[in-house]
C-alpha atoms as a PDB file:
ATOM      1  CA  MET A   1      16.109 -21.017 -32.259  1.00  0.00           C
ATOM      2  CA  THR A   2      17.399 -18.604 -35.082  1.00  0.00           C
ATOM      3  CA  PRO A   3      14.854 -18.770 -38.028  1.00  0.00           C
ATOM      4  CA  GLN A   4      15.645 -20.742 -40.857  1.00  0.00           C
ATOM      5  CA  VAL A   5      14.569 -18.997 -43.857  1.00  0.00           C
ATOM      6  CA  GLY A   6      15.585 -20.146 -47.839  1.00  0.00           C
ATOM      7  CA  PHE A   7      15.973 -18.148 -50.921  1.00  0.00           C
ATOM      8  CA  VAL A   8      16.176 -19.048 -54.334  1.00  0.00           C
ATOM      9  CA  GLY A   9      17.684 -16.986 -56.924  1.00  0.00           C
ATOM     10  CA  LEU A  10      20.988 -14.722 -56.521  1.00  0.00           C
ATOM     11  CA  GLY A  11      20.688 -12.756 -59.435  1.00  0.00           C
ATOM     12  CA  ILE A  12      21.541  -8.684 -59.125  1.00  0.00           C
ATOM     13  CA  MET A  13      18.736  -8.189 -56.871  1.00  0.00           C
ATOM     14  CA  GLY A  14      18.254 -11.753 -55.297  1.00  0.00           C
ATOM     15  CA  LYS A  15      21.919 -11.655 -54.082  1.00  0.00           C
ATOM     16  CA  PRO A  16      22.185  -8.717 -52.097  1.00  0.00           C
ATOM     17  CA  MET A  17      18.528  -9.378 -50.215  1.00  0.00           C
ATOM     18  CA  ALA A  18      19.482 -12.527 -49.273  1.00  0.00           C
ATOM     19  CA  ARG A  19      22.793 -10.879 -47.653  1.00  0.00           C
ATOM     20  CA  ASN A  20      20.493  -8.390 -45.822  1.00  0.00           C
ATOM     21  CA  LEU A  21      18.600 -11.083 -44.261  1.00  0.00           C
ATOM     22  CA  HIS A  22      21.598 -12.700 -43.296  1.00  0.00           C
ATOM     23  CA  ARG A  23      23.070  -9.682 -41.830  1.00  0.00           C
ATOM     24  CA  ALA A  24      19.372  -9.074 -40.133  1.00  0.00           C
ATOM     25  CA  GLY A  25      20.214 -12.223 -38.089  1.00  0.00           C
ATOM     26  CA  PHE A  26      18.358 -14.620 -39.771  1.00  0.00           C
ATOM     27  CA  SER A  27      19.983 -18.136 -40.510  1.00  0.00           C
ATOM     28  CA  VAL A  28      19.841 -18.094 -44.937  1.00  0.00           C
ATOM     29  CA  MET A  29      19.983 -20.760 -47.107  1.00  0.00           C
ATOM     30  CA  VAL A  30      20.555 -20.278 -50.397  1.00  0.00           C
ATOM     31  CA  TRP A  31      19.846 -22.150 -53.961  1.00  0.00           C
ATOM     32  CA  SER A  32      20.528 -20.746 -57.115  1.00  0.00           C
ATOM     33  CA  ARG A  33      21.348 -22.330 -60.844  1.00  0.00           C
ATOM     34  CA  SER A  34      24.392 -20.914 -60.808  1.00  0.00           C
ATOM     35  CA  ARG A  35      27.218 -22.117 -58.366  1.00  0.00           C
ATOM     36  CA  GLN A  36      28.988 -18.997 -58.476  1.00  0.00           C
ATOM     37  CA  PRO A  37      26.821 -16.682 -56.168  1.00  0.00           C
ATOM     38  CA  MET A  38      26.102 -19.503 -54.108  1.00  0.00           C
ATOM     39  CA  ASP A  39      29.732 -19.930 -53.424  1.00  0.00           C
ATOM     40  CA  GLU A  40      30.315 -16.127 -52.937  1.00  0.00           C
ATOM     41  CA  LEU A  41      27.511 -16.023 -50.047  1.00  0.00           C
ATOM     42  CA  ALA A  42      28.757 -19.471 -48.186  1.00  0.00           C
ATOM     43  CA  ALA A  43      31.924 -16.967 -47.881  1.00  0.00           C
ATOM     44  CA  GLU A  44      30.172 -14.873 -45.868  1.00  0.00           C
ATOM     45  CA  GLY A  45      28.145 -17.180 -43.568  1.00  0.00           C
ATOM     46  CA  LEU A  46      25.337 -18.534 -45.524  1.00  0.00           C
ATOM     47  CA  HIS A  47      24.212 -21.771 -46.240  1.00  0.00           C
ATOM     48  CA  PRO A  48      24.022 -23.320 -49.849  1.00  0.00           C
ATOM     49  CA  ALA A  49      21.879 -25.734 -50.395  1.00  0.00           C
ATOM     50  CA  GLU A  50      22.603 -29.187 -52.389  1.00  0.00           C
ATOM     51  CA  SER A  51      19.430 -29.074 -54.100  1.00  0.00           C
ATOM     52  CA  LEU A  52      16.092 -26.937 -54.274  1.00  0.00           C
ATOM     53  CA  PRO A  53      13.766 -30.045 -52.381  1.00  0.00           C
ATOM     54  CA  ALA A  54      16.867 -30.227 -49.719  1.00  0.00           C
ATOM     55  CA  LEU A  55      16.405 -26.365 -49.151  1.00  0.00           C
ATOM     56  CA  ALA A  56      12.286 -26.811 -49.542  1.00  0.00           C
ATOM     57  CA  GLN A  57      12.943 -29.974 -46.924  1.00  0.00           C
ATOM     58  CA  ARG A  58      14.856 -27.672 -44.319  1.00  0.00           C
ATOM     59  CA  CYS A  59      13.114 -24.294 -44.517  1.00  0.00           C
ATOM     60  CA  PRO A  60       9.486 -23.718 -43.449  1.00  0.00           C
ATOM     61  CA  VAL A  61       9.962 -19.950 -45.227  1.00  0.00           C
ATOM     62  CA  VAL A  62      11.228 -19.946 -48.678  1.00  0.00           C
ATOM     63  CA  ILE A  63      11.535 -16.408 -50.605  1.00  0.00           C
ATOM     64  CA  THR A  64      11.890 -16.834 -54.480  1.00  0.00           C
ATOM     65  CA  MET A  65      13.545 -13.977 -56.384  1.00  0.00           C
ATOM     66  CA  LEU A  66      13.353 -14.913 -60.437  1.00  0.00           C
ATOM     67  CA  PRO A  67      13.103 -13.567 -63.807  1.00  0.00           C
ATOM     68  CA  ASP A  68       9.748 -14.466 -64.822  1.00  0.00           C
ATOM     69  CA  SER A  69       6.744 -15.839 -64.376  1.00  0.00           C
ATOM     70  CA  ALA A  70       7.515 -19.283 -65.714  1.00  0.00           C
ATOM     71  CA  ASP A  71      10.413 -19.588 -63.792  1.00  0.00           C
ATOM     72  CA  VAL A  72       8.652 -19.044 -60.248  1.00  0.00           C
ATOM     73  CA  ALA A  73       5.718 -21.643 -61.811  1.00  0.00           C
ATOM     74  CA  GLU A  74       8.503 -24.249 -62.192  1.00  0.00           C
ATOM     75  CA  VAL A  75      10.612 -23.859 -59.014  1.00  0.00           C
ATOM     76  CA  VAL A  76       7.123 -23.452 -56.944  1.00  0.00           C
ATOM     77  CA  HIS A  77       4.934 -26.267 -58.590  1.00  0.00           C
ATOM     78  CA  GLY A  78       7.080 -27.940 -60.947  1.00  0.00           C
ATOM     79  CA  ALA A  79       7.312 -31.619 -60.752  1.00  0.00           C
ATOM     80  CA  ASP A  80      10.173 -31.265 -58.402  1.00  0.00           C
ATOM     81  CA  GLY A  81       9.355 -27.797 -56.952  1.00  0.00           C
ATOM     82  CA  LEU A  82       8.647 -26.300 -53.834  1.00  0.00           C
ATOM     83  CA  LEU A  83       5.634 -27.362 -52.953  1.00  0.00           C
ATOM     84  CA  GLN A  84       6.421 -30.866 -53.372  1.00  0.00           C
ATOM     85  CA  HIS A  85       8.727 -30.725 -50.793  1.00  0.00           C
ATOM     86  CA  MET A  86       7.673 -27.889 -48.215  1.00  0.00           C
ATOM     87  CA  LYS A  87       5.634 -29.323 -45.111  1.00  0.00           C
ATOM     88  CA  PRO A  88       2.126 -27.812 -44.133  1.00  0.00           C
ATOM     89  CA  GLY A  89       2.191 -24.512 -42.559  1.00  0.00           C
ATOM     90  CA  SER A  90       4.883 -23.531 -44.522  1.00  0.00           C
ATOM     91  CA  LEU A  91       5.735 -20.002 -46.072  1.00  0.00           C
ATOM     92  CA  ILE A  92       6.035 -18.934 -49.555  1.00  0.00           C
ATOM     93  CA  ILE A  93       7.211 -15.513 -50.387  1.00  0.00           C
ATOM     94  CA  ASP A  94       7.174 -14.384 -54.265  1.00  0.00           C
ATOM     95  CA  MET A  95       9.666 -11.273 -54.672  1.00  0.00           C
ATOM     96  CA  SER A  96       9.594 -11.649 -58.528  1.00  0.00           C
ATOM     97  CA  THR A  97       7.622  -9.654 -60.501  1.00  0.00           C
ATOM     98  CA  ILE A  98       5.294 -12.004 -62.776  1.00  0.00           C
ATOM     99  CA  LEU A  99       1.580 -12.126 -64.150  1.00  0.00           C
ATOM    100  CA  PRO A 100      -0.955 -11.765 -61.719  1.00  0.00           C
ATOM    101  CA  GLU A 101      -2.697 -14.460 -62.840  1.00  0.00           C
ATOM    102  CA  THR A 102       0.450 -16.643 -62.277  1.00  0.00           C
ATOM    103  CA  ALA A 103       0.315 -15.696 -58.620  1.00  0.00           C
ATOM    104  CA  ARG A 104      -2.857 -16.555 -57.993  1.00  0.00           C
ATOM    105  CA  ARG A 105      -2.800 -19.588 -59.521  1.00  0.00           C
ATOM    106  CA  LEU A 106       0.530 -20.534 -57.440  1.00  0.00           C
ATOM    107  CA  ALA A 107      -0.971 -19.272 -54.641  1.00  0.00           C
ATOM    108  CA  ALA A 108      -4.377 -21.408 -54.877  1.00  0.00           C
ATOM    109  CA  ALA A 109      -1.474 -24.494 -55.623  1.00  0.00           C
ATOM    110  CA  ALA A 110      -0.193 -23.942 -52.112  1.00  0.00           C
ATOM    111  CA  GLN A 111      -3.287 -23.249 -50.259  1.00  0.00           C
ATOM    112  CA  GLU A 112      -4.306 -27.236 -51.167  1.00  0.00           C
ATOM    113  CA  ARG A 113      -1.172 -28.322 -49.868  1.00  0.00           C
ATOM    114  CA  GLY A 114      -1.750 -26.207 -46.323  1.00  0.00           C
ATOM    115  CA  ILE A 115       1.163 -24.243 -47.416  1.00  0.00           C
ATOM    116  CA  ALA A 116       0.733 -19.834 -47.433  1.00  0.00           C
ATOM    117  CA  MET A 117       1.874 -18.110 -50.341  1.00  0.00           C
ATOM    118  CA  LEU A 118       2.333 -14.340 -50.568  1.00  0.00           C
ATOM    119  CA  ASP A 119       3.033 -12.398 -53.780  1.00  0.00           C
ATOM    120  CA  ALA A 120       5.331  -9.160 -52.939  1.00  0.00           C
ATOM    121  CA  PRO A 121       7.397  -7.848 -55.749  1.00  0.00           C
ATOM    122  CA  VAL A 122       9.739  -5.177 -55.318  1.00  0.00           C
ATOM    123  CA  SER A 123      10.857  -1.553 -56.353  1.00  0.00           C
ATOM    124  CA  GLY A 124      13.942   0.262 -55.638  1.00  0.00           C
ATOM    125  CA  GLY A 125      16.227  -1.205 -57.785  1.00  0.00           C
ATOM    126  CA  ASP A 126      20.107  -2.918 -57.259  1.00  0.00           C
ATOM    127  CA  LYS A 127      20.904   0.173 -55.154  1.00  0.00           C
ATOM    128  CA  GLY A 128      17.829  -0.574 -53.149  1.00  0.00           C
ATOM    129  CA  ALA A 129      18.584  -4.100 -52.773  1.00  0.00           C
ATOM    130  CA  ILE A 130      22.036  -3.984 -51.721  1.00  0.00           C
ATOM    131  CA  ALA A 131      20.798  -0.680 -49.117  1.00  0.00           C
ATOM    132  CA  GLY A 132      18.197  -2.881 -47.638  1.00  0.00           C
ATOM    133  CA  THR A 133      15.366  -0.011 -48.692  1.00  0.00           C
ATOM    134  CA  LEU A 134      12.963  -1.964 -51.352  1.00  0.00           C
ATOM    135  CA  SER A 135       9.893  -0.688 -51.659  1.00  0.00           C
ATOM    136  CA  ILE A 136       7.473  -3.957 -51.081  1.00  0.00           C
ATOM    137  CA  MET A 137       4.022  -4.346 -52.393  1.00  0.00           C
ATOM    138  CA  VAL A 138       2.725  -7.597 -51.025  1.00  0.00           C
ATOM    139  CA  GLY A 139      -0.674  -9.725 -52.105  1.00  0.00           C
ATOM    140  CA  GLY A 140      -1.832 -13.150 -50.615  1.00  0.00           C
ATOM    141  CA  ASP A 141      -3.626 -13.559 -46.871  1.00  0.00           C
ATOM    142  CA  PRO A 142      -2.809 -10.659 -44.510  1.00  0.00           C
ATOM    143  CA  VAL A 143      -1.855 -13.418 -41.540  1.00  0.00           C
ATOM    144  CA  ALA A 144       0.765 -14.674 -43.864  1.00  0.00           C
ATOM    145  CA  PHE A 145       1.485 -11.305 -44.300  1.00  0.00           C
ATOM    146  CA  GLU A 146       2.281 -10.027 -40.924  1.00  0.00           C
ATOM    147  CA  ARG A 147       4.256 -13.788 -40.220  1.00  0.00           C
ATOM    148  CA  ALA A 148       6.357 -12.003 -43.229  1.00  0.00           C
ATOM    149  CA  LEU A 149       6.698  -9.292 -41.856  1.00  0.00           C
ATOM    150  CA  PRO A 150      10.261  -9.271 -40.325  1.00  0.00           C
ATOM    151  CA  PHE A 151      11.969 -10.768 -43.535  1.00  0.00           C
ATOM    152  CA  PHE A 152      10.249  -7.591 -45.348  1.00  0.00           C
ATOM    153  CA  GLN A 153      11.974  -5.657 -42.813  1.00  0.00           C
ATOM    154  CA  ALA A 154      15.441  -7.108 -43.511  1.00  0.00           C
ATOM    155  CA  MET A 155      15.214  -5.939 -47.029  1.00  0.00           C
ATOM    156  CA  GLY A 156      12.851  -3.326 -47.752  1.00  0.00           C
ATOM    157  CA  LYS A 157      11.673   0.062 -45.936  1.00  0.00           C
ATOM    158  CA  THR A 158       8.257   0.577 -47.568  1.00  0.00           C
ATOM    159  CA  ILE A 159       6.186  -2.496 -47.278  1.00  0.00           C
ATOM    160  CA  THR A 160       2.618  -2.328 -47.956  1.00  0.00           C
ATOM    161  CA  TYR A 161      -0.234  -4.817 -47.876  1.00  0.00           C
ATOM    162  CA  CYS A 162      -1.967  -4.356 -51.321  1.00  0.00           C
ATOM    163  CA  GLY A 163      -5.016  -6.847 -50.857  1.00  0.00           C
ATOM    164  CA  PRO A 164      -5.606 -10.228 -52.239  1.00  0.00           C
ATOM    165  CA  SER A 165      -3.344 -12.882 -54.159  1.00  0.00           C
ATOM    166  CA  GLY A 166      -2.283 -10.697 -57.035  1.00  0.00           C
ATOM    167  CA  SER A 167      -2.680  -7.459 -55.570  1.00  0.00           C
ATOM    168  CA  GLY A 168       1.089  -7.169 -54.993  1.00  0.00           C
ATOM    169  CA  GLN A 169       1.485  -8.169 -58.903  1.00  0.00           C
ATOM    170  CA  ILE A 170      -0.828  -5.439 -59.919  1.00  0.00           C
ATOM    171  CA  VAL A 171       0.716  -2.570 -58.154  1.00  0.00           C
ATOM    172  CA  LYS A 172       4.269  -3.628 -59.517  1.00  0.00           C
ATOM    173  CA  ALA A 173       2.728  -3.314 -62.894  1.00  0.00           C
ATOM    174  CA  CYS A 174       1.471  -0.034 -62.132  1.00  0.00           C
ATOM    175  CA  ASN A 175       4.722   1.064 -60.602  1.00  0.00           C
ATOM    176  CA  GLN A 176       6.880  -0.484 -63.981  1.00  0.00           C
ATOM    177  CA  ILE A 177       4.379   1.691 -65.909  1.00  0.00           C
ATOM    178  CA  ALA A 178       5.529   5.457 -64.259  1.00  0.00           C
ATOM    179  CA  VAL A 179       8.944   3.701 -63.961  1.00  0.00           C
ATOM    180  CA  ALA A 180       9.301   3.295 -67.974  1.00  0.00           C
ATOM    181  CA  LEU A 181       7.473   6.397 -68.751  1.00  0.00           C
ATOM    182  CA  ASN A 182       9.493   8.652 -66.276  1.00  0.00           C
ATOM    183  CA  ILE A 183      13.000   7.078 -67.742  1.00  0.00           C
ATOM    184  CA  ALA A 184      11.475   8.217 -71.592  1.00  0.00           C
ATOM    185  CA  GLY A 185      10.358  11.523 -70.466  1.00  0.00           C
ATOM    186  CA  VAL A 186      14.218  12.112 -68.689  1.00  0.00           C
ATOM    187  CA  ALA A 187      15.561  10.682 -72.189  1.00  0.00           C
ATOM    188  CA  GLU A 188      13.795  13.101 -74.459  1.00  0.00           C
ATOM    189  CA  ALA A 189      14.588  15.923 -72.138  1.00  0.00           C
ATOM    190  CA  LEU A 190      18.057  15.373 -72.235  1.00  0.00           C
ATOM    191  CA  ALA A 191      18.136  15.095 -76.413  1.00  0.00           C
ATOM    192  CA  LEU A 192      16.185  18.372 -76.751  1.00  0.00           C
ATOM    193  CA  GLY A 193      18.411  19.667 -74.544  1.00  0.00           C
ATOM    194  CA  LEU A 194      21.621  17.977 -75.944  1.00  0.00           C
ATOM    195  CA  ALA A 195      20.449  19.318 -79.793  1.00  0.00           C
ATOM    196  CA  ALA A 196      20.777  22.535 -78.194  1.00  0.00           C
ATOM    197  CA  GLY A 197      23.764  22.550 -77.046  1.00  0.00           C
ATOM    198  CA  ILE A 198      22.776  22.864 -73.279  1.00  0.00           C
ATOM    199  CA  ASP A 199      25.431  21.389 -70.872  1.00  0.00           C
ATOM    200  CA  PRO A 200      23.315  18.201 -69.425  1.00  0.00           C
ATOM    201  CA  ASP A 201      24.962  18.823 -65.591  1.00  0.00           C
ATOM    202  CA  ILE A 202      22.796  22.003 -65.994  1.00  0.00           C
ATOM    203  CA  MET A 203      19.328  20.537 -67.457  1.00  0.00           C
ATOM    204  CA  ILE A 204      19.633  17.913 -64.766  1.00  0.00           C
ATOM    205  CA  ARG A 205      20.279  20.485 -61.932  1.00  0.00           C
ATOM    206  CA  VAL A 206      16.951  23.113 -63.388  1.00  0.00           C
ATOM    207  CA  LEU A 207      14.539  20.154 -63.846  1.00  0.00           C
ATOM    208  CA  GLY A 208      15.469  18.767 -60.580  1.00  0.00           C
ATOM    209  CA  GLY A 209      14.776  21.814 -58.796  1.00  0.00           C
ATOM    210  CA  GLY A 210      11.336  21.640 -59.946  1.00  0.00           C
ATOM    211  CA  LEU A 211       8.164  19.800 -60.542  1.00  0.00           C
ATOM    212  CA  ALA A 212      10.311  17.620 -62.921  1.00  0.00           C
ATOM    213  CA  GLN A 213      11.917  15.968 -59.955  1.00  0.00           C
ATOM    214  CA  SER A 214      11.886  12.548 -60.012  1.00  0.00           C
ATOM    215  CA  ARG A 215      14.158   9.598 -58.376  1.00  0.00           C
ATOM    216  CA  VAL A 216      14.556   8.268 -62.377  1.00  0.00           C
ATOM    217  CA  LEU A 217      16.253  11.829 -62.874  1.00  0.00           C
ATOM    218  CA  GLU A 218      18.546  11.618 -59.964  1.00  0.00           C
ATOM    219  CA  LEU A 219      19.577   8.355 -59.955  1.00  0.00           C
ATOM    220  CA  ARG A 220      19.612   7.891 -63.861  1.00  0.00           C
ATOM    221  CA  GLY A 221      19.729  11.363 -65.829  1.00  0.00           C
ATOM    222  CA  PRO A 222      23.458  11.545 -65.048  1.00  0.00           C
ATOM    223  CA  THR A 223      24.276   7.809 -66.498  1.00  0.00           C
ATOM    224  CA  MET A 224      22.030   8.730 -68.915  1.00  0.00           C
ATOM    225  CA  ALA A 225      23.961  11.744 -69.852  1.00  0.00           C
ATOM    226  CA  GLN A 226      27.013  10.159 -69.823  1.00  0.00           C
ATOM    227  CA  LYS A 227      26.360   7.044 -71.683  1.00  0.00           C
ATOM    228  CA  THR A 228      26.640   4.984 -68.899  1.00  0.00           C
ATOM    229  CA  PHE A 229      24.443   1.904 -69.436  1.00  0.00           C
ATOM    230  CA  THR A 230      25.388  -0.303 -66.175  1.00  0.00           C
ATOM    231  CA  PRO A 231      22.599  -2.734 -65.444  1.00  0.00           C
ATOM    232  CA  GLY A 232      20.661  -2.226 -62.413  1.00  0.00           C
ATOM    233  CA  PHE A 233      17.913  -3.302 -63.760  1.00  0.00           C
ATOM    234  CA  ARG A 234      17.824  -4.714 -67.561  1.00  0.00           C
ATOM    235  CA  VAL A 235      15.933  -3.518 -70.401  1.00  0.00           C
ATOM    236  CA  ARG A 236      15.135  -7.541 -71.462  1.00  0.00           C
ATOM    237  CA  LEU A 237      13.391  -7.553 -67.805  1.00  0.00           C
ATOM    238  CA  HIS A 238      11.753  -4.180 -67.994  1.00  0.00           C
ATOM    239  CA  LEU A 239      10.370  -5.251 -71.535  1.00  0.00           C
ATOM    240  CA  LYS A 240       9.269  -8.640 -69.646  1.00  0.00           C
ATOM    241  CA  ASP A 241       7.579  -6.312 -67.415  1.00  0.00           C
ATOM    242  CA  MET A 242       5.579  -3.861 -70.203  1.00  0.00           C
ATOM    243  CA  GLY A 243       4.512  -7.074 -71.322  1.00  0.00           C
ATOM    244  CA  ILE A 244       2.981  -8.091 -68.005  1.00  0.00           C
ATOM    245  CA  VAL A 245       1.444  -4.277 -68.020  1.00  0.00           C
ATOM    246  CA  ARG A 246       0.122  -5.579 -71.509  1.00  0.00           C
ATOM    247  CA  SER A 247      -1.438  -8.405 -70.571  1.00  0.00           C
ATOM    248  CA  THR A 248      -2.982  -7.037 -67.750  1.00  0.00           C
ATOM    249  CA  ALA A 249      -4.475  -4.076 -69.302  1.00  0.00           C
ATOM    250  CA  ALA A 250      -5.804  -6.559 -71.835  1.00  0.00           C
ATOM    251  CA  THR A 251      -7.891  -8.608 -68.835  1.00  0.00           C
ATOM    252  CA  TYR A 252      -9.489  -5.071 -67.872  1.00  0.00           C
ATOM    253  CA  GLN A 253      -9.921  -4.266 -71.143  1.00  0.00           C
ATOM    254  CA  LEU A 254      -7.833  -1.321 -70.800  1.00  0.00           C
ATOM    255  CA  GLN A 255      -6.081   0.946 -73.692  1.00  0.00           C
ATOM    256  CA  LEU A 256      -2.374   1.931 -72.464  1.00  0.00           C
ATOM    257  CA  PRO A 257      -1.337   3.958 -75.258  1.00  0.00           C
ATOM    258  CA  PHE A 258       2.043   5.514 -73.975  1.00  0.00           C
ATOM    259  CA  SER A 259       2.696   2.156 -72.403  1.00  0.00           C
ATOM    260  CA  ASP A 260       2.363   0.500 -75.469  1.00  0.00           C
ATOM    261  CA  LEU A 261       4.889   3.039 -77.260  1.00  0.00           C
ATOM    262  CA  VAL A 262       7.364   2.362 -74.326  1.00  0.00           C
ATOM    263  CA  TYR A 263       7.050  -1.232 -75.003  1.00  0.00           C
ATOM    264  CA  GLN A 264       7.690  -1.034 -78.338  1.00  0.00           C
ATOM    265  CA  HIS A 265      11.236   0.991 -77.941  1.00  0.00           C
ATOM    266  CA  PHE A 266      12.096  -1.871 -75.620  1.00  0.00           C
ATOM    267  CA  GLN A 267      11.755  -4.718 -77.831  1.00  0.00           C
ATOM    268  CA  THR A 268      13.704  -3.031 -80.843  1.00  0.00           C
ATOM    269  CA  LEU A 269      16.802  -2.278 -77.942  1.00  0.00           C
ATOM    270  CA  VAL A 270      16.584  -6.351 -77.192  1.00  0.00           C
ATOM    271  CA  GLU A 271      16.205  -6.937 -80.902  1.00  0.00           C
ATOM    272  CA  GLN A 272      19.189  -4.423 -81.515  1.00  0.00           C
ATOM    273  CA  GLY A 273      21.031  -6.643 -78.540  1.00  0.00           C
ATOM    274  CA  TYR A 274      20.954  -4.288 -75.988  1.00  0.00           C
ATOM    275  CA  GLY A 275      18.888  -6.142 -73.685  1.00  0.00           C
ATOM    276  CA  ASP A 276      21.361  -6.688 -70.740  1.00  0.00           C
ATOM    277  CA  LEU A 277      21.956  -2.882 -70.348  1.00  0.00           C
ATOM    278  CA  ASP A 278      20.026  -0.818 -67.817  1.00  0.00           C
ATOM    279  CA  HIS A 279      17.106  -0.055 -68.509  1.00  0.00           C
ATOM    280  CA  SER A 280      17.681   3.738 -68.896  1.00  0.00           C
ATOM    281  CA  ALA A 281      19.380   2.391 -72.292  1.00  0.00           C
ATOM    282  CA  LEU A 282      15.700   3.663 -73.895  1.00  0.00           C
ATOM    283  CA  ALA A 283      17.725   6.353 -74.584  1.00  0.00           C
ATOM    284  CA  ILE A 284      19.265   5.044 -77.389  1.00  0.00           C
ATOM    285  CA  SER A 285      16.106   4.046 -78.428  1.00  0.00           C
ATOM    286  CA  LEU A 286      14.684   7.558 -78.390  1.00  0.00           C
ATOM    287  CA  GLY A 287      18.021   8.783 -80.394  1.00  0.00           C
ATOM    288  CA  HIS A 288      19.762  11.075 -78.251  1.00  0.00           C
ATOM    289  CA  THR A 289      22.771   8.655 -77.427  1.00  0.00           C
ATOM    290  CA  SER A 290      24.738   5.732 -78.801  1.00  0.00           C
ATOM    291  CA  ARG A 291      26.885   3.059 -77.524  1.00  0.00           C
END
């Protein structure tokens, strides 16, 4: 019998991830607050759930891909959430990016009901979600990780067990620091070159051939130079993630001054109405381009 898996959250990332599970041969039941992506996936053979409780009752494995900690907490542990309806022995895989302490708290609540829960945030953006090449960093019980591996393999290429509950979220916070600071570095390099009259294509080609080469430069450098900020990962979501970085750093009494600076720039972009642009719109805040 084809394994049944539920998928909750069908945004820029969640929809292609659910689609890849279906393509890998899983029977996928989907639920979202918005009806449109459910209808779109239903036309491709996925199964829309009439409600979150209905999905929870029918699926022994449920994957969530939601915007923030509060959203995940409500879906998993709310009054009519997954834990109220899933059977003992079930598995919840949260692939959202949330606070590590929220991941640990929800995993403990799940364990009390005999349900395993993994935190498994991803990196790779919308392109990685579409191609099924995401990097997946996983925290939780190692036995549950082995059980979840076939699902991860349908959505990603680099799949890493990071440690106990919350560890996946810690590693994701570190990833978001590196990505944000890389975007800032590429934006400032382009700003200086453009101010001096250098063709941005030349700058990207030269930087890409040396130590400055990076996936950010490769994928976002050209769009920054073209002032194109169609969202793959939105500014407001990276702001949220940098807030997680700040909170996590405070837990360990660690100062991260460069992360704090980028957080402030993302915050300014949101305040200026740019929150739904791609996070490479950090270039706007750094002053080398405008909408």
